[in-house]
Amino acid sequence: MREAGCVDLRQIASALVWAWTDRPVGDPGVADAMDLYERLRAEPDRPELLLELSA
């Protein structure tokens, strides 16, 4: 079960593939797909996502 507010990256990846392959060129729904992709790629670099591991 996912926590409220959590994003399933598999669903986002699936939506991006759909947007890039099944939508016509110039479709408004695809216009921001590259921006979304870049923002998702930057997520793992956020320091607040790191967890301290104790021995």
N, C-alpha and C. Protein backbone atom coordinates (compact mmCIF):
# COMPACT_ATOMS: atom_id res chain seq x y z
N MET A 1 0.83 -1.18 0.00
CA MET A 1 0.00 0.00 0.00
C MET A 1 0.88 1.25 0.00
N ARG A 2 0.54 2.21 -0.84
CA ARG A 2 1.29 3.46 -0.92
C ARG A 2 0.76 4.47 0.07
N GLU A 3 1.68 5.29 0.59
CA GLU A 3 1.28 6.38 1.46
C GLU A 3 0.65 7.49 0.63
N ALA A 4 -0.23 8.26 1.24
CA ALA A 4 -0.84 9.39 0.55
C ALA A 4 0.25 10.36 0.12
N GLY A 5 0.17 10.84 -1.08
CA GLY A 5 1.15 11.79 -1.59
C GLY A 5 2.35 11.15 -2.28
N CYS A 6 2.48 9.83 -2.19
CA CYS A 6 3.59 9.14 -2.85
C CYS A 6 3.28 8.99 -4.34
N VAL A 7 4.32 9.03 -5.13
CA VAL A 7 4.17 8.92 -6.57
C VAL A 7 4.74 7.59 -7.02
N ASP A 8 4.00 6.88 -7.85
CA ASP A 8 4.48 5.62 -8.41
C ASP A 8 5.24 5.94 -9.69
N LEU A 9 6.57 5.84 -9.63
CA LEU A 9 7.39 6.21 -10.79
C LEU A 9 7.13 5.31 -11.99
N ARG A 10 6.68 4.08 -11.76
CA ARG A 10 6.35 3.20 -12.90
C ARG A 10 5.17 3.75 -13.68
N GLN A 11 4.20 4.31 -12.98
CA GLN A 11 3.04 4.89 -13.67
C GLN A 11 3.45 6.13 -14.45
N ILE A 12 4.33 6.93 -13.87
CA ILE A 12 4.80 8.13 -14.57
C ILE A 12 5.60 7.74 -15.80
N ALA A 13 6.49 6.75 -15.65
CA ALA A 13 7.28 6.30 -16.79
C ALA A 13 6.38 5.77 -17.90
N SER A 14 5.36 5.02 -17.52
CA SER A 14 4.42 4.49 -18.51
C SER A 14 3.69 5.63 -19.23
N ALA A 15 3.30 6.65 -18.47
CA ALA A 15 2.61 7.79 -19.08
C ALA A 15 3.53 8.55 -20.03
N LEU A 16 4.82 8.68 -19.67
CA LEU A 16 5.77 9.37 -20.55
C LEU A 16 5.95 8.59 -21.86
N VAL A 17 6.09 7.28 -21.76
CA VAL A 17 6.24 6.47 -22.97
C VAL A 17 5.00 6.63 -23.85
N TRP A 18 3.84 6.58 -23.24
CA TRP A 18 2.60 6.77 -24.01
C TRP A 18 2.59 8.14 -24.68
N ALA A 19 2.96 9.18 -23.93
CA ALA A 19 2.93 10.54 -24.47
C ALA A 19 3.89 10.69 -25.64
N TRP A 20 5.08 10.09 -25.53
CA TRP A 20 6.09 10.25 -26.57
C TRP A 20 5.84 9.38 -27.79
N THR A 21 5.10 8.28 -27.65
CA THR A 21 4.95 7.38 -28.79
C THR A 21 3.56 7.35 -29.41
N ASP A 22 2.54 7.61 -28.64
CA ASP A 22 1.17 7.46 -29.15
C ASP A 22 0.44 8.77 -29.42
N ARG A 23 1.01 9.89 -29.03
CA ARG A 23 0.36 11.17 -29.23
C ARG A 23 0.95 11.85 -30.46
N PRO A 24 0.14 12.60 -31.18
CA PRO A 24 0.66 13.29 -32.37
C PRO A 24 1.62 14.42 -31.98
N VAL A 25 2.52 14.75 -32.90
CA VAL A 25 3.45 15.85 -32.69
C VAL A 25 2.65 17.13 -32.46
N GLY A 26 3.05 17.90 -31.46
CA GLY A 26 2.38 19.15 -31.16
C GLY A 26 1.20 19.01 -30.21
N ASP A 27 0.88 17.80 -29.79
CA ASP A 27 -0.24 17.59 -28.87
C ASP A 27 0.05 18.32 -27.56
N PRO A 28 -0.90 19.11 -27.04
CA PRO A 28 -0.65 19.86 -25.80
C PRO A 28 -0.33 18.96 -24.61
N GLY A 29 -0.84 17.76 -24.59
CA GLY A 29 -0.57 16.84 -23.49
C GLY A 29 0.87 16.36 -23.45
N VAL A 30 1.59 16.53 -24.54
CA VAL A 30 2.98 16.08 -24.63
C VAL A 30 3.95 17.24 -24.43
N ALA A 31 3.46 18.45 -24.50
CA ALA A 31 4.32 19.63 -24.48
C ALA A 31 5.27 19.67 -23.28
N ASP A 32 4.82 19.28 -22.12
CA ASP A 32 5.66 19.36 -20.93
C ASP A 32 6.26 18.03 -20.52
N ALA A 33 6.19 17.03 -21.38
CA ALA A 33 6.70 15.70 -21.02
C ALA A 33 8.21 15.73 -20.75
N MET A 34 8.96 16.46 -21.53
CA MET A 34 10.41 16.51 -21.34
C MET A 34 10.74 17.20 -20.02
N ASP A 35 10.01 18.25 -19.68
CA ASP A 35 10.22 18.94 -18.41
C ASP A 35 9.95 17.98 -17.24
N LEU A 36 8.87 17.23 -17.32
CA LEU A 36 8.55 16.26 -16.28
C LEU A 36 9.66 15.21 -16.16
N TYR A 37 10.14 14.74 -17.29
CA TYR A 37 11.23 13.75 -17.30
C TYR A 37 12.46 14.30 -16.58
N GLU A 38 12.84 15.53 -16.89
CA GLU A 38 14.03 16.13 -16.27
C GLU A 38 13.83 16.32 -14.77
N ARG A 39 12.64 16.73 -14.36
CA ARG A 39 12.37 16.90 -12.93
C ARG A 39 12.44 15.57 -12.20
N LEU A 40 11.94 14.51 -12.82
CA LEU A 40 11.99 13.19 -12.20
C LEU A 40 13.42 12.67 -12.08
N ARG A 41 14.23 12.95 -13.10
CA ARG A 41 15.63 12.53 -13.05
C ARG A 41 16.38 13.24 -11.94
N ALA A 42 15.99 14.46 -11.60
CA ALA A 42 16.66 15.24 -10.56
C ALA A 42 16.26 14.81 -9.15
N GLU A 43 15.16 14.12 -9.00
CA GLU A 43 14.66 13.74 -7.68
C GLU A 43 15.68 12.98 -6.83
N PRO A 44 16.36 11.97 -7.34
CA PRO A 44 17.30 11.23 -6.48
C PRO A 44 18.46 12.08 -5.96
N ASP A 45 18.71 13.23 -6.54
CA ASP A 45 19.81 14.10 -6.10
C ASP A 45 19.42 15.00 -4.93
N ARG A 46 18.17 14.98 -4.53
CA ARG A 46 17.73 15.83 -3.42
C ARG A 46 18.26 15.27 -2.11
N PRO A 47 19.03 16.06 -1.34
CA PRO A 47 19.63 15.57 -0.11
C PRO A 47 18.59 15.13 0.93
N GLU A 48 17.42 15.72 0.94
CA GLU A 48 16.42 15.33 1.94
C GLU A 48 15.85 13.94 1.69
N LEU A 49 16.15 13.34 0.56
CA LEU A 49 15.70 11.98 0.29
C LEU A 49 16.66 10.92 0.85
N LEU A 50 17.84 11.35 1.26
CA LEU A 50 18.82 10.42 1.80
C LEU A 50 18.45 10.04 3.23
N LEU A 51 18.65 8.80 3.55
CA LEU A 51 18.38 8.29 4.89
C LEU A 51 19.68 7.88 5.54
N GLU A 52 19.84 8.22 6.80
CA GLU A 52 21.02 7.81 7.53
C GLU A 52 20.85 6.35 7.96
N LEU A 53 21.84 5.54 7.64
CA LEU A 53 21.82 4.13 8.02
C LEU A 53 22.69 3.95 9.26
N SER A 54 22.12 3.33 10.26
CA SER A 54 22.91 3.07 11.47
C SER A 54 23.27 1.59 11.53
N ALA A 55 24.40 1.31 12.12
CA ALA A 55 24.89 -0.07 12.19
C ALA A 55 24.19 -0.88 13.24
